[in-house]
Amino acid sequence: IDAGYGGGVNQPASKTAETTVSRKQAIAARFDRAADSYNQVAGVQARIAADARSLLHVEPGSRVLDIGCATGRETILLAKNGAQVTGLDIAADMLQKAQRDYPSLTFKEGDADALPFSAQQFDAVFSSMALQWSDDPATAMPEIARVLKPGGRAQLAIMVAGSFHELIQ
């Protein structure tokens, strides 16, 4: 998928809020266009997510947030053992596909830089290959910490500057 990478890890520190919103809208629009075919072309992403998911022990009944859930492919797998999982993504069409495919799960549109949840709401946070779209990881990380319950755990797989060429290969 060409999501028009201009990820936050490579962005200059000084940005206007308007620039940030329009950049994120552009990213969401690119993922929206790929919603119906995403699972067929995102094999590398699925392997990375599976590795990350295997490291996160999720208890039955626990509340889990999946940031950058896309089509919900990992969200449903996180819920397999009885966890209450909420998927979050900035791309509305991805979320519509996720909700169609997994109607028993909860999906919400939102941004990792300003999570639309109250403090200490989740036992665990999972994210695979989504946080590189953050404008500044220093903004997203405190948001993740804010929504985690005390003793909660986050499992994050994040692309870093310079790694997109490896993904393409």
Protein backbone atom coordinates (compact mmCIF):
# COMPACT_ATOMS: atom_id res chain seq x y z
CA ILE A 1 0.00 0.00 0.00
CA ASP A 2 1.22 3.47 -0.78
CA ALA A 3 0.08 5.48 2.17
CA GLY A 4 2.06 8.49 1.03
CA TYR A 5 4.67 8.15 3.72
CA GLY A 6 5.68 11.40 5.19
CA GLY A 7 5.56 9.94 8.65
CA GLY A 8 5.98 11.92 11.80
CA VAL A 9 9.44 10.53 12.49
CA ASN A 10 10.77 12.49 9.52
CA GLN A 11 8.71 15.65 9.95
CA PRO A 12 10.17 18.99 10.99
CA ALA A 13 9.41 20.02 14.56
CA SER A 14 7.59 23.23 13.64
CA LYS A 15 4.18 22.54 12.09
CA THR A 16 0.93 24.38 12.21
CA ALA A 17 -2.16 22.60 13.46
CA GLU A 18 -3.71 23.12 10.00
CA THR A 19 -0.76 21.39 8.31
CA THR A 20 -1.00 18.49 10.74
CA VAL A 21 -4.73 18.04 10.16
CA SER A 22 -4.43 18.18 6.37
CA ARG A 23 -1.48 15.75 6.41
CA LYS A 24 -3.39 13.29 8.56
CA GLN A 25 -6.49 13.69 6.39
CA ALA A 26 -4.34 12.83 3.37
CA ILE A 27 -2.96 9.74 5.10
CA ALA A 28 -6.48 8.67 6.12
CA ALA A 29 -7.73 9.21 2.55
CA ARG A 30 -4.97 7.00 1.14
CA PHE A 31 -5.78 4.21 3.58
CA ASP A 32 -9.50 4.68 2.90
CA ARG A 33 -8.89 4.02 -0.80
CA ALA A 34 -7.05 0.82 0.11
CA ALA A 35 -9.63 -0.49 2.59
CA ASP A 36 -11.10 -3.21 0.36
CA SER A 37 -7.74 -4.56 -0.81
CA TYR A 38 -5.59 -3.85 2.25
CA ASN A 39 -5.59 -7.39 3.66
CA GLN A 40 -4.45 -8.84 0.33
CA VAL A 41 -1.44 -6.52 0.04
CA ALA A 42 -0.42 -6.14 3.69
CA GLY A 43 1.33 -9.47 4.23
CA VAL A 44 4.47 -7.96 5.76
CA GLN A 45 2.33 -5.89 8.10
CA ALA A 46 0.43 -9.04 9.16
CA ARG A 47 3.66 -10.88 9.98
CA ILE A 48 5.00 -7.98 12.02
CA ALA A 49 1.68 -7.66 13.85
CA ALA A 50 1.57 -11.39 14.61
CA ASP A 51 5.05 -11.22 16.12
CA ALA A 52 4.10 -8.21 18.24
CA ARG A 53 0.78 -9.75 19.27
CA SER A 54 2.53 -12.92 20.42
CA LEU A 55 4.46 -10.83 22.96
CA LEU A 56 1.35 -9.29 24.52
CA HIS A 57 -0.35 -11.52 27.06
CA VAL A 58 -4.03 -10.57 27.07
CA GLU A 59 -6.21 -11.92 29.88
CA PRO A 60 -9.83 -12.90 29.24
CA GLY A 61 -12.08 -9.98 30.18
CA SER A 62 -9.31 -7.40 29.97
CA ARG A 63 -9.85 -4.19 28.03
CA VAL A 64 -7.48 -3.72 25.08
CA LEU A 65 -7.01 -0.83 22.67
CA ASP A 66 -5.74 -1.58 19.14
CA ILE A 67 -4.33 1.68 17.74
CA GLY A 68 -4.22 1.76 13.96
CA CYS A 69 -6.53 -1.23 13.68
CA ALA A 70 -7.14 -0.77 9.92
CA THR A 71 -9.51 -3.56 8.80
CA GLY A 72 -9.66 -5.16 12.25
CA ARG A 73 -7.59 -8.19 11.28
CA GLU A 74 -5.49 -8.02 14.45
CA THR A 75 -8.32 -6.64 16.57
CA ILE A 76 -10.31 -9.85 16.20
CA LEU A 77 -7.25 -11.95 17.01
CA LEU A 78 -6.64 -9.94 20.18
CA ALA A 79 -10.26 -10.64 21.16
CA LYS A 80 -10.06 -14.41 20.55
CA ASN A 81 -9.34 -15.22 24.21
CA GLY A 82 -12.22 -13.16 25.59
CA ALA A 83 -10.67 -9.71 25.84
CA GLN A 84 -12.85 -6.65 25.19
CA VAL A 85 -10.96 -5.01 22.33
CA THR A 86 -11.59 -1.58 20.84
CA GLY A 87 -10.07 -0.82 17.45
CA LEU A 88 -9.02 2.76 16.66
CA ASP A 89 -8.02 4.18 13.28
CA ILE A 90 -7.93 7.53 11.47
CA ALA A 91 -9.35 6.04 8.25
CA ALA A 92 -13.15 5.87 8.27
CA ASP A 93 -13.40 3.41 5.35
CA MET A 94 -11.00 1.02 7.08
CA LEU A 95 -13.22 1.18 10.15
CA GLN A 96 -16.37 0.58 8.10
CA LYS A 97 -14.79 -2.57 6.64
CA ALA A 98 -13.68 -3.67 10.11
CA GLN A 99 -17.18 -3.14 11.53
CA ARG A 100 -18.75 -5.07 8.61
CA ASP A 101 -16.30 -7.96 9.01
CA TYR A 102 -16.35 -8.03 12.83
CA PRO A 103 -19.71 -6.64 14.01
CA SER A 104 -19.22 -7.94 17.55
CA LEU A 105 -16.22 -5.65 18.11
CA THR A 106 -16.10 -1.93 18.85
CA PHE A 107 -14.33 0.41 16.43
CA LYS A 108 -13.78 4.13 16.80
CA GLU A 109 -12.32 6.80 14.57
CA GLY A 110 -9.49 8.69 16.21
CA ASP A 111 -5.85 9.70 16.35
CA ALA A 112 -3.06 8.32 18.53
CA ASP A 113 -1.87 11.86 19.20
CA ALA A 114 -5.15 12.66 20.98
CA LEU A 115 -6.79 9.41 22.06
CA PRO A 116 -10.58 9.80 22.44
CA PHE A 117 -10.74 7.79 25.67
CA SER A 118 -10.75 8.58 29.35
CA ALA A 119 -7.70 8.01 31.52
CA GLN A 120 -6.87 4.52 32.81
CA GLN A 121 -9.45 2.82 30.61
CA PHE A 122 -7.37 -0.04 29.16
CA ASP A 123 -5.40 -2.96 30.57
CA ALA A 124 -3.32 -3.17 27.40
CA VAL A 125 -2.58 -1.16 24.28
CA PHE A 126 -1.49 -2.79 21.03
CA SER A 127 -0.32 -1.06 17.90
CA SER A 128 1.44 -2.42 14.86
CA MET A 129 2.87 -0.18 12.19
CA ALA A 130 0.57 2.76 12.90
CA LEU A 131 2.42 5.07 15.24
CA GLN A 132 4.88 6.15 12.56
CA TRP A 133 2.02 8.33 11.27
CA SER A 134 2.08 10.30 14.51
CA ASP A 135 3.34 13.83 14.16
CA ASP A 136 5.56 13.31 17.16
CA PRO A 137 5.99 10.08 19.15
CA ALA A 138 6.58 12.28 22.19
CA THR A 139 2.88 13.22 21.88
CA ALA A 140 1.52 9.72 21.27
CA MET A 141 3.44 7.97 24.06
CA PRO A 142 2.00 10.05 26.93
CA GLU A 143 -1.46 9.52 25.41
CA ILE A 144 -0.92 5.76 25.49
CA ALA A 145 0.30 5.97 29.08
CA ARG A 146 -2.73 8.10 29.99
CA VAL A 147 -5.30 5.54 28.78
CA LEU A 148 -3.50 2.56 30.34
CA LYS A 149 -4.54 1.41 33.79
CA PRO A 150 -1.76 1.29 36.42
CA GLY A 151 0.31 -1.80 35.67
CA GLY A 152 -1.05 -1.91 32.10
CA ARG A 153 1.13 -2.92 29.19
CA ALA A 154 1.69 -1.55 25.71
CA GLN A 155 3.05 -3.62 22.83
CA LEU A 156 4.05 -1.33 19.98
CA ALA A 157 5.62 -2.21 16.63
CA ILE A 158 6.75 1.06 15.08
CA MET A 159 8.42 1.80 11.77
CA VAL A 160 11.33 4.16 12.23
CA ALA A 161 12.98 6.68 9.92
CA GLY A 162 14.76 4.91 7.09
CA SER A 163 12.90 1.61 7.45
CA PHE A 164 10.27 2.11 4.75
CA HIS A 165 12.73 1.16 2.01
CA GLU A 166 13.24 -2.18 3.77
CA LEU A 167 9.48 -2.74 3.93
CA ILE A 168 9.15 -2.05 0.22
CA GLN A 169 11.94 -4.55 -0.56
